[in-house]
Amino acid sequence: MGGESRHGASACVAWRADVEALLVRRHRDARYDGFIVPVDVCYELTGLLRQKWRGIDGGDEARAALDELFASLRTRSGGGAS
């Protein structure tokens, strides 16, 4: 799969359909983290958010869980994309 991002940078990424997914997080300061992950990580994220989410914005506990998950992905990937 390839194409142009909305910022004009070439985006040429390949992953295995039905097994991997593109997981992207937008930070409040408009930075992005993106990883190609096993679909199981998406299910893990869904479970985490269902457990931790409070109120409209998720709350501190949900944000901390997101921070931990993405830090883990960054470590596993050898630095990750920011």
C-alpha atoms as a PDB file:
ATOM      1  CA  MET A   1       0.000   0.000   0.000  1.00  0.00           C
ATOM      2  CA  GLY A   2       1.420   3.409  -0.865  1.00  0.00           C
ATOM      3  CA  GLY A   3       0.384   6.997  -1.275  1.00  0.00           C
ATOM      4  CA  GLU A   4       0.841  10.515  -0.079  1.00  0.00           C
ATOM      5  CA  SER A   5       0.170  11.669   3.448  1.00  0.00           C
ATOM      6  CA  ARG A   6      -1.842  14.820   3.948  1.00  0.00           C
ATOM      7  CA  HIS A   7       1.470  16.576   4.643  1.00  0.00           C
ATOM      8  CA  GLY A   8       2.902  15.552   1.250  1.00  0.00           C
ATOM      9  CA  ALA A   9       5.455  13.028   2.539  1.00  0.00           C
ATOM     10  CA  SER A  10       5.627   9.761   0.693  1.00  0.00           C
ATOM     11  CA  ALA A  11       3.890   7.001   2.632  1.00  0.00           C
ATOM     12  CA  CYS A  12       4.897   3.599   1.324  1.00  0.00           C
ATOM     13  CA  VAL A  13       3.920   0.995   3.863  1.00  0.00           C
ATOM     14  CA  ALA A  14       3.095  -2.676   3.475  1.00  0.00           C
ATOM     15  CA  TRP A  15       1.457  -4.893   6.019  1.00  0.00           C
ATOM     16  CA  ARG A  16      -0.352  -8.212   6.089  1.00  0.00           C
ATOM     17  CA  ALA A  17      -4.111  -7.794   5.718  1.00  0.00           C
ATOM     18  CA  ASP A  18      -6.244  -9.278   8.522  1.00  0.00           C
ATOM     19  CA  VAL A  19      -3.124  -9.782  10.666  1.00  0.00           C
ATOM     20  CA  GLU A  20      -1.622  -6.318  11.103  1.00  0.00           C
ATOM     21  CA  ALA A  21      -2.995  -2.807  11.504  1.00  0.00           C
ATOM     22  CA  LEU A  22      -1.732   0.758  11.419  1.00  0.00           C
ATOM     23  CA  LEU A  23      -2.114   2.219  14.906  1.00  0.00           C
ATOM     24  CA  VAL A  24      -1.743   6.014  15.086  1.00  0.00           C
ATOM     25  CA  ARG A  25      -1.926   8.328  18.087  1.00  0.00           C
ATOM     26  CA  ARG A  26      -2.243  12.093  17.814  1.00  0.00           C
ATOM     27  CA  HIS A  27      -0.818  14.015  20.757  1.00  0.00           C
ATOM     28  CA  ARG A  28      -2.267  17.256  22.068  1.00  0.00           C
ATOM     29  CA  ASP A  29       0.704  19.141  20.583  1.00  0.00           C
ATOM     30  CA  ALA A  30      -0.173  17.740  17.106  1.00  0.00           C
ATOM     31  CA  ARG A  31       2.675  15.188  17.013  1.00  0.00           C
ATOM     32  CA  TYR A  32       1.840  11.679  15.823  1.00  0.00           C
ATOM     33  CA  ASP A  33       3.094   8.222  16.776  1.00  0.00           C
ATOM     34  CA  GLY A  34       2.401   5.452  14.294  1.00  0.00           C
ATOM     35  CA  PHE A  35       3.138   1.742  14.308  1.00  0.00           C
ATOM     36  CA  ILE A  36       2.254  -1.296  12.259  1.00  0.00           C
ATOM     37  CA  VAL A  37       1.126  -3.750  14.933  1.00  0.00           C
ATOM     38  CA  PRO A  38      -0.424  -7.194  15.204  1.00  0.00           C
ATOM     39  CA  VAL A  39      -4.214  -6.965  15.366  1.00  0.00           C
ATOM     40  CA  ASP A  40      -3.966  -8.375  18.903  1.00  0.00           C
ATOM     41  CA  VAL A  41      -2.468  -5.046  20.034  1.00  0.00           C
ATOM     42  CA  CYS A  42      -5.624  -3.287  18.806  1.00  0.00           C
ATOM     43  CA  TYR A  43      -7.754  -5.653  20.880  1.00  0.00           C
ATOM     44  CA  GLU A  44      -5.458  -4.993  23.859  1.00  0.00           C
ATOM     45  CA  LEU A  45      -5.958  -1.241  23.370  1.00  0.00           C
ATOM     46  CA  THR A  46      -9.733  -1.661  23.181  1.00  0.00           C
ATOM     47  CA  GLY A  47      -9.757  -3.651  26.421  1.00  0.00           C
ATOM     48  CA  LEU A  48      -7.539  -1.118  28.191  1.00  0.00           C
ATOM     49  CA  LEU A  49      -9.750   1.787  27.192  1.00  0.00           C
ATOM     50  CA  ARG A  50     -12.933  -0.045  28.178  1.00  0.00           C
ATOM     51  CA  GLN A  51     -11.463  -0.641  31.642  1.00  0.00           C
ATOM     52  CA  LYS A  52      -9.876   2.764  32.219  1.00  0.00           C
ATOM     53  CA  TRP A  53     -12.082   5.304  30.388  1.00  0.00           C
ATOM     54  CA  ARG A  54     -13.909   7.765  32.648  1.00  0.00           C
ATOM     55  CA  GLY A  55     -16.024  10.746  31.634  1.00  0.00           C
ATOM     56  CA  ILE A  56     -15.848  12.494  28.288  1.00  0.00           C
ATOM     57  CA  ASP A  57     -12.067  12.741  27.796  1.00  0.00           C
ATOM     58  CA  GLY A  58     -11.073   9.403  29.324  1.00  0.00           C
ATOM     59  CA  GLY A  59      -9.411  10.781  32.416  1.00  0.00           C
ATOM     60  CA  ASP A  60      -5.883  10.526  33.764  1.00  0.00           C
ATOM     61  CA  GLU A  61      -5.941   6.737  34.153  1.00  0.00           C
ATOM     62  CA  ALA A  62      -6.879   6.161  30.489  1.00  0.00           C
ATOM     63  CA  ARG A  63      -4.228   8.633  29.289  1.00  0.00           C
ATOM     64  CA  ALA A  64      -1.604   6.924  31.457  1.00  0.00           C
ATOM     65  CA  ALA A  65      -2.583   3.532  29.991  1.00  0.00           C
ATOM     66  CA  LEU A  66      -2.233   4.968  26.463  1.00  0.00           C
ATOM     67  CA  ASP A  67       1.158   6.437  27.358  1.00  0.00           C
ATOM     68  CA  GLU A  68       2.337   3.055  28.660  1.00  0.00           C
ATOM     69  CA  LEU A  69       1.067   1.134  25.631  1.00  0.00           C
ATOM     70  CA  PHE A  70       2.692   3.489  23.123  1.00  0.00           C
ATOM     71  CA  ALA A  71       5.944   3.616  25.133  1.00  0.00           C
ATOM     72  CA  SER A  72       5.999  -0.181  24.991  1.00  0.00           C
ATOM     73  CA  LEU A  73       5.430  -0.115  21.218  1.00  0.00           C
ATOM     74  CA  ARG A  74       8.184   2.479  20.800  1.00  0.00           C
ATOM     75  CA  THR A  75      10.610   0.321  22.815  1.00  0.00           C
ATOM     76  CA  ARG A  76       9.731  -2.850  20.909  1.00  0.00           C
ATOM     77  CA  SER A  77      10.216  -1.083  17.576  1.00  0.00           C
ATOM     78  CA  GLY A  78      13.621   0.285  18.489  1.00  0.00           C
ATOM     79  CA  GLY A  79      12.535   3.899  18.696  1.00  0.00           C
ATOM     80  CA  GLY A  80       9.318   4.103  16.708  1.00  0.00           C
ATOM     81  CA  ALA A  81       7.906   6.973  14.733  1.00  0.00           C
ATOM     82  CA  SER A  82       7.073  10.248  16.406  1.00  0.00           C
END
